[in-house]
Amino acid sequence: MNSQLAVNNLKSAIELNPNKWQELAKTDSDFVKIRQHADFKQLIRQSQESRNQKSRKKSKK
């Protein structure tokens, strides 16, 4: 399994539909093999931070 390719594909999916793919990445069994990889953890952390920032900006309006 190419973990880096899986993380890159997940990143693309998150960019298209963050709500769906962030949750699936954390809970779906298809991601078990890459969840412990540093790149996976970093991607989830960054995408969650980005999502939180967007949410805060919307609530300020």
C-alpha atoms as a PDB file:
ATOM      1  CA  MET A   1       0.000   0.000   0.000  1.00  0.00           C
ATOM      2  CA  ASN A   2       1.267   3.450  -0.894  1.00  0.00           C
ATOM      3  CA  SER A   3       0.357   5.484   2.177  1.00  0.00           C
ATOM      4  CA  GLN A   4       1.522   8.774   0.704  1.00  0.00           C
ATOM      5  CA  LEU A   5      -0.697   8.285  -2.343  1.00  0.00           C
ATOM      6  CA  ALA A   6      -3.646   7.494  -0.062  1.00  0.00           C
ATOM      7  CA  VAL A   7      -3.036  10.661   1.965  1.00  0.00           C
ATOM      8  CA  ASN A   8      -2.722  12.749  -1.209  1.00  0.00           C
ATOM      9  CA  ASN A   9      -5.986  11.352  -2.544  1.00  0.00           C
ATOM     10  CA  LEU A  10      -7.685  11.991   0.782  1.00  0.00           C
ATOM     11  CA  LYS A  11      -6.413  15.574   0.718  1.00  0.00           C
ATOM     12  CA  SER A  12      -8.023  16.068  -2.693  1.00  0.00           C
ATOM     13  CA  ALA A  13     -11.276  14.581  -1.448  1.00  0.00           C
ATOM     14  CA  ILE A  14     -11.271  16.821   1.640  1.00  0.00           C
ATOM     15  CA  GLU A  15     -10.778  19.876  -0.551  1.00  0.00           C
ATOM     16  CA  LEU A  16     -13.875  18.894  -2.543  1.00  0.00           C
ATOM     17  CA  ASN A  17     -16.093  17.912   0.382  1.00  0.00           C
ATOM     18  CA  PRO A  18     -14.483  18.583   3.773  1.00  0.00           C
ATOM     19  CA  ASN A  19     -17.449  17.671   5.976  1.00  0.00           C
ATOM     20  CA  LYS A  20     -17.851  14.229   4.462  1.00  0.00           C
ATOM     21  CA  TRP A  21     -14.228  13.191   4.096  1.00  0.00           C
ATOM     22  CA  GLN A  22     -12.876  14.501   7.390  1.00  0.00           C
ATOM     23  CA  GLU A  23     -15.441  12.424   9.248  1.00  0.00           C
ATOM     24  CA  LEU A  24     -14.925   9.357   7.066  1.00  0.00           C
ATOM     25  CA  ALA A  25     -11.161   9.569   7.478  1.00  0.00           C
ATOM     26  CA  LYS A  26     -11.584   9.437  11.238  1.00  0.00           C
ATOM     27  CA  THR A  27     -14.176   6.664  11.363  1.00  0.00           C
ATOM     28  CA  ASP A  28     -14.167   4.517   8.209  1.00  0.00           C
ATOM     29  CA  SER A  29     -12.289   1.233   8.418  1.00  0.00           C
ATOM     30  CA  ASP A  30     -10.755   1.834   4.979  1.00  0.00           C
ATOM     31  CA  PHE A  31      -8.402   4.344   6.595  1.00  0.00           C
ATOM     32  CA  VAL A  32      -7.183   2.142   9.460  1.00  0.00           C
ATOM     33  CA  LYS A  33      -3.850   1.368   7.806  1.00  0.00           C
ATOM     34  CA  ILE A  34      -2.865   5.017   7.350  1.00  0.00           C
ATOM     35  CA  ARG A  35      -4.304   6.669  10.482  1.00  0.00           C
ATOM     36  CA  GLN A  36      -1.025   6.315  12.368  1.00  0.00           C
ATOM     37  CA  HIS A  37       1.057   7.945   9.642  1.00  0.00           C
ATOM     38  CA  ALA A  38       2.292  11.430  10.431  1.00  0.00           C
ATOM     39  CA  ASP A  39       1.098  12.809   7.083  1.00  0.00           C
ATOM     40  CA  PHE A  40      -2.421  11.542   7.735  1.00  0.00           C
ATOM     41  CA  LYS A  41      -2.507  13.083  11.206  1.00  0.00           C
ATOM     42  CA  GLN A  42      -1.164  16.376   9.877  1.00  0.00           C
ATOM     43  CA  LEU A  43      -3.730  16.453   7.062  1.00  0.00           C
ATOM     44  CA  ILE A  44      -6.633  15.854   9.453  1.00  0.00           C
ATOM     45  CA  ARG A  45      -5.319  18.463  11.899  1.00  0.00           C
ATOM     46  CA  GLN A  46      -4.815  21.081   9.184  1.00  0.00           C
ATOM     47  CA  SER A  47      -8.147  20.454   7.519  1.00  0.00           C
ATOM     48  CA  GLN A  48      -9.930  20.669  10.872  1.00  0.00           C
ATOM     49  CA  GLU A  49      -8.174  23.952  11.695  1.00  0.00           C
ATOM     50  CA  SER A  50      -9.126  25.344   8.293  1.00  0.00           C
ATOM     51  CA  ARG A  51     -12.718  24.262   8.787  1.00  0.00           C
ATOM     52  CA  ASN A  52     -12.790  25.890  12.240  1.00  0.00           C
ATOM     53  CA  GLN A  53     -11.404  29.157  10.870  1.00  0.00           C
ATOM     54  CA  LYS A  54     -14.043  29.260   8.141  1.00  0.00           C
ATOM     55  CA  SER A  55     -16.734  28.567  10.717  1.00  0.00           C
ATOM     56  CA  ARG A  56     -15.509  31.421  12.942  1.00  0.00           C
ATOM     57  CA  LYS A  57     -15.463  33.834  10.006  1.00  0.00           C
ATOM     58  CA  LYS A  58     -19.045  32.953   9.128  1.00  0.00           C
ATOM     59  CA  SER A  59     -20.226  33.430  12.696  1.00  0.00           C
ATOM     60  CA  LYS A  60     -18.672  36.933  12.839  1.00  0.00           C
ATOM     61  CA  LYS A  61     -20.760  38.133   9.894  1.00  0.00           C
END
